[in-house]
Each structure stands twice: as C-alpha cells, then as structure tokens.
Amino acid sequence: MSPTDVSDHYGQHGLTERICAQLTSAGVDLNNLDPSALSGVDEFHLGGRAATTAILDSLELTVDSRVLDVGAGIGGAARAIASMAGCSVTGVDLTPEFVATASQLSDKVGLGQLTSFEVANALDVPFNDTEFSVVTMFHVGMNIADKQALITELARVLRPGGMLVVYDIMRVGPGDITFPVPWSSDRSTSFVNSPDDYLDALRHAGFVPEQPIDRLALVRSAMASMATAPPPVNLSHLMGTNWPTMFANLMAALDDGIVSPTQIVARRPE
C-alpha cells in the first residue's frame, strides 16, 4: 500500500465545479455562500457537522489557538473550527484535488484568511516541532497501518500542554468488513484498529488520553435529521457513483457491531 493508492481512492477531478453546480441547481446563491450550505459534503466523517461540534466542545479552542487538521479532505472540519473559534487552521491531505478544492471553497465562504491547505502525508507533516496547540484528525487512521508512527509524528508538532483529538472508525467487535467502504476500495488500504490500539499508541508517544467516546448514537441522530432535511449537496457529489455501495457496506458494519465511530482526546503533558 502506498500513499498514491489512498489518494487515488479519494481523488475526483473537477470537485469545486461539481459542488458549485449542484448548489446552483438547488437554488443556493454562490455570491453569498454560507459555510452551512456545504455541511453535507465538506465534513467527510460520520455525523458531519453535529459530530464536529460535539468534538470541538471537548477542546480548549481560543482565537489564539493554532490548529492542524490532519486528513482535512475538502476542508469542512477546518472551516468549522475557524468559524467557531476564530482561530487559524492549517489542513493537510494526501489528495491534491481535495487540497485545491478546500482552498477554493474557503475563499468562497470568506474563510480564506483563517484557513490554509497543503498536500502532505500524515506520517511526515512539513511543520516544525511544537508548532501547533491543537491537532485534529477526523476519519484518517483507517488508511494508515502504523498507528504508532502516526501518533508519534502528531506528538512532534504539538506543543507541551497541547491537545490531540482522534475521531476514527474503530473496530469494536469481530467480523469482516465488506468493501468498498468510504475510506477504502479494498483491504489493501484499510487498517481499522480498536480503541485499545489507539490508546496504546497514544501512551507510548507520551500522551495522556481520556477514555474513548463511542459516537454512534450521535451519528444515527445526525443521519435521521439529514434524512428529514436533506442538504443541497452531499457525499455522493464528492465520491461519485460508487458512494451508495460504500455507504451501505459501512452501515452494515455499524449495524453488525464490527466498527463504530469513536473519539479519543489526549493531552501532551507540559
């Protein structure tokens, strides 16, 4: 498995144009685009904006925070953080098309000054030691086999006293995952670990982690709300025609108790 394999799974051309065309067809004024109009597509993790809000409530964000969002996708979580806290957010992602789209959408919603995005591997981010006060990672670890190397790299760029939040699909029971799923077309790029595996990696990297939080109930509530009031643009416009199959396979794994969306907050000691 290589970073290119992961990027190829997510890479779609003309994303900004496709998203804007869908918004226009839904009657959204692109000249007065509110970030909330993008929430159905730009927060590529289970629970979307509801999960982002709940997770950010567990962090200590201020206007002076310097945040790194790892695996930023097209920038939804980074924009939500910048909008809610008024702080500077840097997003990195493996997929060049995602990074370009993230920058373009941030400019369109007036958050270009607070957000920046660049192509980078989570295992080797191009930043100095202790550069950030908060690191966020939403649905990224499932594509990375070496969780210890990942967590150790995130610890490197985090200041003493800083906070890391991981929100990943984690294994909570036995059984096989049917592919494709949203994070992987096949087993070669899928590395779903248990909460205990993450806790071990966090402690080994020097973090003090809190107890994992299972967010499945929140996710199901968010899905029900979205079904009653569908957003103008959704993840099918991001992931293409195979999205229904990916989503159905993920729902089956959730229903069967194989995986669950799980949050872990950890602090790097002073």
C-alpha atoms as a PDB file:
ATOM      1  CA  MET A   1       0.000   0.000   0.000  1.00  0.00           C
ATOM      2  CA  SER A   2       1.314   3.421  -0.915  1.00  0.00           C
ATOM      3  CA  PRO A   3       0.075   6.978  -0.310  1.00  0.00           C
ATOM      4  CA  THR A   4      -0.805   7.091  -4.007  1.00  0.00           C
ATOM      5  CA  ASP A   5      -3.243   4.188  -3.551  1.00  0.00           C
ATOM      6  CA  VAL A   6      -5.072   6.122  -0.841  1.00  0.00           C
ATOM      7  CA  SER A   7      -5.093   9.347  -2.852  1.00  0.00           C
ATOM      8  CA  ASP A   8      -6.399   7.502  -5.922  1.00  0.00           C
ATOM      9  CA  HIS A   9      -9.343   6.164  -3.884  1.00  0.00           C
ATOM     10  CA  TYR A  10     -10.434   9.680  -2.946  1.00  0.00           C
ATOM     11  CA  GLY A  11      -9.291  11.654  -5.973  1.00  0.00           C
ATOM     12  CA  GLN A  12     -12.014  13.071  -8.188  1.00  0.00           C
ATOM     13  CA  HIS A  13     -11.473  15.776 -10.801  1.00  0.00           C
ATOM     14  CA  GLY A  14     -13.464  18.987 -11.031  1.00  0.00           C
ATOM     15  CA  LEU A  15     -14.790  18.802  -7.475  1.00  0.00           C
ATOM     16  CA  THR A  16     -15.267  22.524  -6.937  1.00  0.00           C
ATOM     17  CA  GLU A  17     -17.131  22.904 -10.208  1.00  0.00           C
ATOM     18  CA  ARG A  18     -19.311  19.870  -9.461  1.00  0.00           C
ATOM     19  CA  ILE A  19     -20.179  21.086  -5.957  1.00  0.00           C
ATOM     20  CA  CYS A  20     -20.937  24.605  -7.153  1.00  0.00           C
ATOM     21  CA  ALA A  21     -23.111  23.311  -9.984  1.00  0.00           C
ATOM     22  CA  GLN A  22     -25.127  21.221  -7.533  1.00  0.00           C
ATOM     23  CA  LEU A  23     -25.525  24.173  -5.170  1.00  0.00           C
ATOM     24  CA  THR A  24     -26.701  26.376  -8.029  1.00  0.00           C
ATOM     25  CA  SER A  25     -29.233  23.773  -9.138  1.00  0.00           C
ATOM     26  CA  ALA A  26     -30.540  23.686  -5.557  1.00  0.00           C
ATOM     27  CA  GLY A  27     -31.063  27.447  -5.633  1.00  0.00           C
ATOM     28  CA  VAL A  28     -28.090  28.426  -3.464  1.00  0.00           C
ATOM     29  CA  ASP A  29     -26.609  31.872  -4.196  1.00  0.00           C
ATOM     30  CA  LEU A  30     -22.883  31.301  -4.717  1.00  0.00           C
ATOM     31  CA  ASN A  31     -22.201  35.012  -4.269  1.00  0.00           C
ATOM     32  CA  ASN A  32     -23.457  34.795  -0.684  1.00  0.00           C
ATOM     33  CA  LEU A  33     -22.375  31.280   0.181  1.00  0.00           C
ATOM     34  CA  ASP A  34     -22.769  30.332   3.829  1.00  0.00           C
ATOM     35  CA  PRO A  35     -20.461  27.544   5.095  1.00  0.00           C
ATOM     36  CA  SER A  36     -23.514  25.634   6.346  1.00  0.00           C
ATOM     37  CA  ALA A  37     -24.604  25.055   2.736  1.00  0.00           C
ATOM     38  CA  LEU A  38     -21.549  22.823   2.325  1.00  0.00           C
ATOM     39  CA  SER A  39     -22.015  20.795   5.508  1.00  0.00           C
ATOM     40  CA  GLY A  40     -23.498  17.781   3.717  1.00  0.00           C
ATOM     41  CA  VAL A  41     -20.379  17.294   1.618  1.00  0.00           C
ATOM     42  CA  ASP A  42     -17.379  19.005   3.173  1.00  0.00           C
ATOM     43  CA  GLU A  43     -17.233  17.218   6.539  1.00  0.00           C
ATOM     44  CA  PHE A  44     -16.316  13.754   5.337  1.00  0.00           C
ATOM     45  CA  HIS A  45     -16.835  11.883   8.601  1.00  0.00           C
ATOM     46  CA  LEU A  46     -19.777  10.171  10.248  1.00  0.00           C
ATOM     47  CA  GLY A  47     -22.090  12.639  11.936  1.00  0.00           C
ATOM     48  CA  GLY A  48     -20.862  15.572   9.856  1.00  0.00           C
ATOM     49  CA  ARG A  49     -21.311  18.984  11.487  1.00  0.00           C
ATOM     50  CA  ALA A  50     -23.054  17.511  14.556  1.00  0.00           C
ATOM     51  CA  ALA A  51     -20.037  15.330  15.279  1.00  0.00           C
ATOM     52  CA  THR A  52     -17.632  18.198  14.605  1.00  0.00           C
ATOM     53  CA  THR A  53     -19.482  20.445  17.050  1.00  0.00           C
ATOM     54  CA  ALA A  54     -19.572  17.794  19.766  1.00  0.00           C
ATOM     55  CA  ILE A  55     -15.867  17.077  19.351  1.00  0.00           C
ATOM     56  CA  LEU A  56     -14.855  20.739  19.370  1.00  0.00           C
ATOM     57  CA  ASP A  57     -16.779  21.189  22.620  1.00  0.00           C
ATOM     58  CA  SER A  58     -14.246  18.850  24.222  1.00  0.00           C
ATOM     59  CA  LEU A  59     -11.279  21.018  23.179  1.00  0.00           C
ATOM     60  CA  GLU A  60      -9.936  24.257  24.604  1.00  0.00           C
ATOM     61  CA  LEU A  61     -10.003  26.418  21.492  1.00  0.00           C
ATOM     62  CA  THR A  62      -9.498  30.194  21.536  1.00  0.00           C
ATOM     63  CA  VAL A  63      -8.762  32.808  18.888  1.00  0.00           C
ATOM     64  CA  ASP A  64      -5.086  32.312  19.717  1.00  0.00           C
ATOM     65  CA  SER A  65      -5.117  28.563  19.066  1.00  0.00           C
ATOM     66  CA  ARG A  66      -3.006  27.254  16.208  1.00  0.00           C
ATOM     67  CA  VAL A  67      -4.731  24.160  14.839  1.00  0.00           C
ATOM     68  CA  LEU A  68      -3.512  21.443  12.481  1.00  0.00           C
ATOM     69  CA  ASP A  69      -6.256  19.360  10.844  1.00  0.00           C
ATOM     70  CA  VAL A  70      -4.738  16.125   9.529  1.00  0.00           C
ATOM     71  CA  GLY A  71      -6.528  14.495   6.608  1.00  0.00           C
ATOM     72  CA  ALA A  72      -8.504  17.667   6.003  1.00  0.00           C
ATOM     73  CA  GLY A  73     -10.310  16.469   2.881  1.00  0.00           C
ATOM     74  CA  ILE A  74     -12.032  19.402   1.202  1.00  0.00           C
ATOM     75  CA  GLY A  75     -11.701  21.475   4.357  1.00  0.00           C
ATOM     76  CA  GLY A  76     -15.050  21.201   6.124  1.00  0.00           C
ATOM     77  CA  ALA A  77     -13.761  20.486   9.619  1.00  0.00           C
ATOM     78  CA  ALA A  78     -11.031  23.124   9.269  1.00  0.00           C
ATOM     79  CA  ARG A  79     -13.590  25.733   8.222  1.00  0.00           C
ATOM     80  CA  ALA A  80     -15.889  24.732  11.084  1.00  0.00           C
ATOM     81  CA  ILE A  81     -13.045  25.148  13.582  1.00  0.00           C
ATOM     82  CA  ALA A  82     -12.032  28.521  12.129  1.00  0.00           C
ATOM     83  CA  SER A  83     -15.622  29.741  12.089  1.00  0.00           C
ATOM     84  CA  MET A  84     -16.490  28.573  15.609  1.00  0.00           C
ATOM     85  CA  ALA A  85     -13.270  29.585  17.376  1.00  0.00           C
ATOM     86  CA  GLY A  86     -11.990  32.373  15.121  1.00  0.00           C
ATOM     87  CA  CYS A  87      -8.533  30.788  15.095  1.00  0.00           C
ATOM     88  CA  SER A  88      -6.004  29.889  12.413  1.00  0.00           C
ATOM     89  CA  VAL A  89      -6.301  26.355  10.979  1.00  0.00           C
ATOM     90  CA  THR A  90      -3.878  24.546   8.687  1.00  0.00           C
ATOM     91  CA  GLY A  91      -5.166  21.480   6.865  1.00  0.00           C
ATOM     92  CA  VAL A  92      -3.122  18.750   5.200  1.00  0.00           C
ATOM     93  CA  ASP A  93      -4.297  15.940   2.946  1.00  0.00           C
ATOM     94  CA  LEU A  94      -2.761  13.378   0.603  1.00  0.00           C
ATOM     95  CA  THR A  95      -5.153  14.126  -2.251  1.00  0.00           C
ATOM     96  CA  PRO A  96      -4.179  17.160  -4.372  1.00  0.00           C
ATOM     97  CA  GLU A  97      -7.711  17.652  -5.728  1.00  0.00           C
ATOM     98  CA  PHE A  98      -9.064  17.784  -2.178  1.00  0.00           C
ATOM     99  CA  VAL A  99      -6.482  20.385  -1.172  1.00  0.00           C
ATOM    100  CA  ALA A 100      -7.253  22.576  -4.180  1.00  0.00           C
ATOM    101  CA  THR A 101     -10.988  22.300  -3.544  1.00  0.00           C
ATOM    102  CA  ALA A 102     -10.534  23.075   0.172  1.00  0.00           C
ATOM    103  CA  SER A 103      -8.730  26.321  -0.647  1.00  0.00           C
ATOM    104  CA  GLN A 104     -11.276  27.344  -3.270  1.00  0.00           C
ATOM    105  CA  LEU A 105     -14.259  26.676  -1.020  1.00  0.00           C
ATOM    106  CA  SER A 106     -12.673  28.532   1.899  1.00  0.00           C
ATOM    107  CA  ASP A 107     -12.277  31.579  -0.314  1.00  0.00           C
ATOM    108  CA  LYS A 108     -15.890  31.303  -1.471  1.00  0.00           C
ATOM    109  CA  VAL A 109     -17.253  31.347   2.092  1.00  0.00           C
ATOM    110  CA  GLY A 110     -14.935  34.096   3.323  1.00  0.00           C
ATOM    111  CA  LEU A 111     -12.646  31.935   5.455  1.00  0.00           C
ATOM    112  CA  GLY A 112      -9.562  32.064   3.259  1.00  0.00           C
ATOM    113  CA  GLN A 113      -7.704  34.288   5.722  1.00  0.00           C
ATOM    114  CA  LEU A 114      -8.097  31.843   8.601  1.00  0.00           C
ATOM    115  CA  THR A 115      -7.503  28.569   6.746  1.00  0.00           C
ATOM    116  CA  SER A 116      -4.699  27.197   4.600  1.00  0.00           C
ATOM    117  CA  PHE A 117      -4.259  23.796   2.996  1.00  0.00           C
ATOM    118  CA  GLU A 118      -1.394  21.787   1.547  1.00  0.00           C
ATOM    119  CA  VAL A 119      -0.628  18.323   0.245  1.00  0.00           C
ATOM    120  CA  ALA A 120       1.188  16.247   2.841  1.00  0.00           C
ATOM    121  CA  ASN A 121       1.479  12.752   4.307  1.00  0.00           C
ATOM    122  CA  ALA A 122       0.245  12.447   7.899  1.00  0.00           C
ATOM    123  CA  LEU A 123       3.328  10.355   8.687  1.00  0.00           C
ATOM    124  CA  ASP A 124       5.661  13.205   7.692  1.00  0.00           C
ATOM    125  CA  VAL A 125       3.985  16.586   8.027  1.00  0.00           C
ATOM    126  CA  PRO A 126       6.063  19.578   6.845  1.00  0.00           C
ATOM    127  CA  PHE A 127       5.997  21.557  10.072  1.00  0.00           C
ATOM    128  CA  ASN A 128       8.370  22.417  12.897  1.00  0.00           C
ATOM    129  CA  ASP A 129       8.399  20.732  16.273  1.00  0.00           C
ATOM    130  CA  THR A 130       5.811  22.080  18.760  1.00  0.00           C
ATOM    131  CA  GLU A 131       4.257  24.356  16.119  1.00  0.00           C
ATOM    132  CA  PHE A 132       0.587  23.707  16.978  1.00  0.00           C
ATOM    133  CA  SER A 133      -1.533  23.954  20.107  1.00  0.00           C
ATOM    134  CA  VAL A 134      -4.256  21.576  18.860  1.00  0.00           C
ATOM    135  CA  VAL A 135      -4.199  18.718  16.339  1.00  0.00           C
ATOM    136  CA  THR A 136      -7.424  17.221  14.978  1.00  0.00           C
ATOM    137  CA  MET A 137      -7.788  14.037  12.938  1.00  0.00           C
ATOM    138  CA  PHE A 138     -11.217  13.044  11.615  1.00  0.00           C
ATOM    139  CA  HIS A 139     -11.531   9.611   9.943  1.00  0.00           C
ATOM    140  CA  VAL A 140      -7.910   9.289   8.861  1.00  0.00           C
ATOM    141  CA  GLY A 141      -6.341   6.429  10.808  1.00  0.00           C
ATOM    142  CA  MET A 142      -8.294   3.778   8.889  1.00  0.00           C
ATOM    143  CA  ASN A 143      -5.913   4.384   5.960  1.00  0.00           C
ATOM    144  CA  ILE A 144      -2.709   4.182   7.998  1.00  0.00           C
ATOM    145  CA  ALA A 145      -1.246   0.856   9.110  1.00  0.00           C
ATOM    146  CA  ASP A 146       1.372   2.156  11.519  1.00  0.00           C
ATOM    147  CA  LYS A 147      -0.685   3.925  14.170  1.00  0.00           C
ATOM    148  CA  GLN A 148       2.378   4.353  16.381  1.00  0.00           C
ATOM    149  CA  ALA A 149       4.312   6.220  13.695  1.00  0.00           C
ATOM    150  CA  LEU A 150       1.233   8.367  13.018  1.00  0.00           C
ATOM    151  CA  ILE A 151       0.643   9.338  16.647  1.00  0.00           C
ATOM    152  CA  THR A 152       4.350   9.948  17.253  1.00  0.00           C
ATOM    153  CA  GLU A 153       4.506  12.354  14.307  1.00  0.00           C
ATOM    154  CA  LEU A 154       1.467  14.252  15.565  1.00  0.00           C
ATOM    155  CA  ALA A 155       3.061  14.476  19.016  1.00  0.00           C
ATOM    156  CA  ARG A 156       6.161  16.017  17.410  1.00  0.00           C
ATOM    157  CA  VAL A 157       4.325  19.059  16.069  1.00  0.00           C
ATOM    158  CA  LEU A 158       2.183  19.562  19.170  1.00  0.00           C
ATOM    159  CA  ARG A 159       3.216  21.955  21.935  1.00  0.00           C
ATOM    160  CA  PRO A 160       3.592  20.715  25.514  1.00  0.00           C
ATOM    161  CA  GLY A 161       0.156  21.019  27.070  1.00  0.00           C
ATOM    162  CA  GLY A 162      -1.448  20.793  23.625  1.00  0.00           C
ATOM    163  CA  MET A 163      -4.385  18.582  22.734  1.00  0.00           C
ATOM    164  CA  LEU A 164      -4.932  15.913  20.090  1.00  0.00           C
ATOM    165  CA  VAL A 165      -8.367  14.630  19.148  1.00  0.00           C
ATOM    166  CA  VAL A 166      -8.786  11.494  17.057  1.00  0.00           C
ATOM    167  CA  TYR A 167     -12.185  10.636  15.587  1.00  0.00           C
ATOM    168  CA  ASP A 168     -11.916   7.420  13.585  1.00  0.00           C
ATOM    169  CA  ILE A 169     -13.887   4.367  12.599  1.00  0.00           C
ATOM    170  CA  MET A 170     -12.578   1.815  15.105  1.00  0.00           C
ATOM    171  CA  ARG A 171     -13.072  -1.916  15.449  1.00  0.00           C
ATOM    172  CA  VAL A 172     -15.361  -2.806  18.338  1.00  0.00           C
ATOM    173  CA  GLY A 173     -16.280  -6.391  17.503  1.00  0.00           C
ATOM    174  CA  PRO A 174     -15.448  -9.437  15.358  1.00  0.00           C
ATOM    175  CA  GLY A 175     -16.421  -9.845  11.738  1.00  0.00           C
ATOM    176  CA  ASP A 176     -15.315  -8.985   8.233  1.00  0.00           C
ATOM    177  CA  ILE A 177     -15.836  -5.591   6.636  1.00  0.00           C
ATOM    178  CA  THR A 178     -17.309  -5.741   3.142  1.00  0.00           C
ATOM    179  CA  PHE A 179     -15.618  -3.474   0.593  1.00  0.00           C
ATOM    180  CA  PRO A 180     -15.752  -0.884  -0.806  1.00  0.00           C
ATOM    181  CA  VAL A 181     -16.287   1.447   2.144  1.00  0.00           C
ATOM    182  CA  PRO A 182     -15.895   5.236   2.244  1.00  0.00           C
ATOM    183  CA  TRP A 183     -12.227   5.086   3.258  1.00  0.00           C
ATOM    184  CA  SER A 184     -11.084   2.222   1.046  1.00  0.00           C
ATOM    185  CA  SER A 185     -11.892   0.356  -2.137  1.00  0.00           C
ATOM    186  CA  ASP A 186     -10.379  -2.889  -0.830  1.00  0.00           C
ATOM    187  CA  ARG A 187      -8.454  -4.393   2.081  1.00  0.00           C
ATOM    188  CA  SER A 188      -5.086  -3.149   0.840  1.00  0.00           C
ATOM    189  CA  THR A 189      -5.702   0.394   2.120  1.00  0.00           C
ATOM    190  CA  SER A 190      -7.878  -0.401   5.146  1.00  0.00           C
ATOM    191  CA  PHE A 191      -6.382  -0.597   8.644  1.00  0.00           C
ATOM    192  CA  VAL A 192      -9.169  -0.447  11.214  1.00  0.00           C
ATOM    193  CA  ASN A 193      -7.892  -0.778  14.774  1.00  0.00           C
ATOM    194  CA  SER A 194      -9.515  -0.993  18.179  1.00  0.00           C
ATOM    195  CA  PRO A 195      -9.719   1.868  20.686  1.00  0.00           C
ATOM    196  CA  ASP A 196      -7.207  -0.024  22.844  1.00  0.00           C
ATOM    197  CA  ASP A 197      -4.711   0.013  19.962  1.00  0.00           C
ATOM    198  CA  TYR A 198      -5.050   3.797  19.730  1.00  0.00           C
ATOM    199  CA  LEU A 199      -4.704   4.186  23.494  1.00  0.00           C
ATOM    200  CA  ASP A 200      -1.517   2.120  23.470  1.00  0.00           C
ATOM    201  CA  ALA A 201      -0.056   4.234  20.655  1.00  0.00           C
ATOM    202  CA  LEU A 202      -1.025   7.471  22.410  1.00  0.00           C
ATOM    203  CA  ARG A 203       0.531   6.464  25.721  1.00  0.00           C
ATOM    204  CA  HIS A 204       3.691   5.224  24.017  1.00  0.00           C
ATOM    205  CA  ALA A 205       4.023   8.632  22.312  1.00  0.00           C
ATOM    206  CA  GLY A 206       3.788  10.365  25.679  1.00  0.00           C
ATOM    207  CA  PHE A 207       0.155  11.428  25.590  1.00  0.00           C
ATOM    208  CA  VAL A 208      -2.299  11.250  28.466  1.00  0.00           C
ATOM    209  CA  PRO A 209      -5.507  10.040  26.788  1.00  0.00           C
ATOM    210  CA  GLU A 210      -9.057  10.320  28.024  1.00  0.00           C
ATOM    211  CA  GLN A 211     -11.457   7.397  27.804  1.00  0.00           C
ATOM    212  CA  PRO A 212     -12.770   6.723  24.278  1.00  0.00           C
ATOM    213  CA  ILE A 213     -16.246   8.021  23.453  1.00  0.00           C
ATOM    214  CA  ASP A 214     -18.479   5.985  21.144  1.00  0.00           C
ATOM    215  CA  ARG A 215     -20.317   8.478  18.922  1.00  0.00           C
ATOM    216  CA  LEU A 216     -22.695   6.021  17.213  1.00  0.00           C
ATOM    217  CA  ALA A 217     -25.845   7.406  18.880  1.00  0.00           C
ATOM    218  CA  LEU A 218     -24.917  10.935  17.815  1.00  0.00           C
ATOM    219  CA  VAL A 219     -24.232   9.712  14.286  1.00  0.00           C
ATOM    220  CA  ARG A 220     -27.585   7.961  14.000  1.00  0.00           C
ATOM    221  CA  SER A 221     -29.360  11.081  15.242  1.00  0.00           C
ATOM    222  CA  ALA A 222     -27.490  13.241  12.728  1.00  0.00           C
ATOM    223  CA  MET A 223     -28.383  10.847   9.912  1.00  0.00           C
ATOM    224  CA  ALA A 224     -32.051  10.962  10.872  1.00  0.00           C
ATOM    225  CA  SER A 225     -32.001  14.771  10.837  1.00  0.00           C
ATOM    226  CA  MET A 226     -30.311  14.808   7.444  1.00  0.00           C
ATOM    227  CA  ALA A 227     -32.910  12.399   6.052  1.00  0.00           C
ATOM    228  CA  THR A 228     -35.745  14.729   7.052  1.00  0.00           C
ATOM    229  CA  ALA A 229     -33.975  17.836   5.730  1.00  0.00           C
ATOM    230  CA  PRO A 230     -31.510  16.783   3.011  1.00  0.00           C
ATOM    231  CA  PRO A 231     -28.655  19.239   2.391  1.00  0.00           C
ATOM    232  CA  PRO A 232     -28.301  20.787  -1.073  1.00  0.00           C
ATOM    233  CA  VAL A 233     -25.074  18.878  -1.734  1.00  0.00           C
ATOM    234  CA  ASN A 234     -23.948  15.569  -0.233  1.00  0.00           C
ATOM    235  CA  LEU A 235     -21.174  12.996  -0.291  1.00  0.00           C
ATOM    236  CA  SER A 236     -22.421  11.349  -3.469  1.00  0.00           C
ATOM    237  CA  HIS A 237     -21.301  14.545  -5.225  1.00  0.00           C
ATOM    238  CA  LEU A 238     -17.843  14.069  -3.706  1.00  0.00           C
ATOM    239  CA  MET A 239     -17.283  10.322  -4.047  1.00  0.00           C
ATOM    240  CA  GLY A 240     -19.145   9.585  -7.270  1.00  0.00           C
ATOM    241  CA  THR A 241     -21.398   6.749  -8.400  1.00  0.00           C
ATOM    242  CA  ASN A 242     -19.921   4.117  -6.065  1.00  0.00           C
ATOM    243  CA  TRP A 243     -20.920   6.086  -2.962  1.00  0.00           C
ATOM    244  CA  PRO A 244     -24.217   4.213  -2.295  1.00  0.00           C
ATOM    245  CA  THR A 245     -22.349   0.891  -2.149  1.00  0.00           C
ATOM    246  CA  MET A 246     -19.627   2.313   0.084  1.00  0.00           C
ATOM    247  CA  PHE A 247     -22.192   3.785   2.440  1.00  0.00           C
ATOM    248  CA  ALA A 248     -24.318   0.617   2.556  1.00  0.00           C
ATOM    249  CA  ASN A 249     -21.283  -1.506   3.438  1.00  0.00           C
ATOM    250  CA  LEU A 250     -20.321   0.903   6.216  1.00  0.00           C
ATOM    251  CA  MET A 251     -23.860   0.877   7.608  1.00  0.00           C
ATOM    252  CA  ALA A 252     -23.830  -2.925   7.625  1.00  0.00           C
ATOM    253  CA  ALA A 253     -20.562  -2.935   9.595  1.00  0.00           C
ATOM    254  CA  LEU A 254     -22.053  -0.478  12.092  1.00  0.00           C
ATOM    255  CA  ASP A 255     -25.284  -2.463  12.419  1.00  0.00           C
ATOM    256  CA  ASP A 256     -23.361  -5.710  12.908  1.00  0.00           C
ATOM    257  CA  GLY A 257     -21.270  -4.204  15.708  1.00  0.00           C
ATOM    258  CA  ILE A 258     -17.989  -4.619  13.833  1.00  0.00           C
ATOM    259  CA  VAL A 259     -16.974  -0.970  13.861  1.00  0.00           C
ATOM    260  CA  SER A 260     -18.112   2.261  15.483  1.00  0.00           C
ATOM    261  CA  PRO A 261     -17.204   5.965  15.170  1.00  0.00           C
ATOM    262  CA  THR A 262     -15.012   6.636  18.192  1.00  0.00           C
ATOM    263  CA  GLN A 263     -13.452   9.788  19.644  1.00  0.00           C
ATOM    264  CA  ILE A 264     -10.332   9.957  21.805  1.00  0.00           C
ATOM    265  CA  VAL A 265      -8.962  13.201  23.229  1.00  0.00           C
ATOM    266  CA  ALA A 266      -5.389  13.203  24.533  1.00  0.00           C
ATOM    267  CA  ARG A 267      -3.098  15.835  26.017  1.00  0.00           C
ATOM    268  CA  ARG A 268       0.625  16.173  25.635  1.00  0.00           C
ATOM    269  CA  PRO A 269       2.000  16.828  29.145  1.00  0.00           C
ATOM    270  CA  GLU A 270       3.665  20.150  29.942  1.00  0.00           C
END
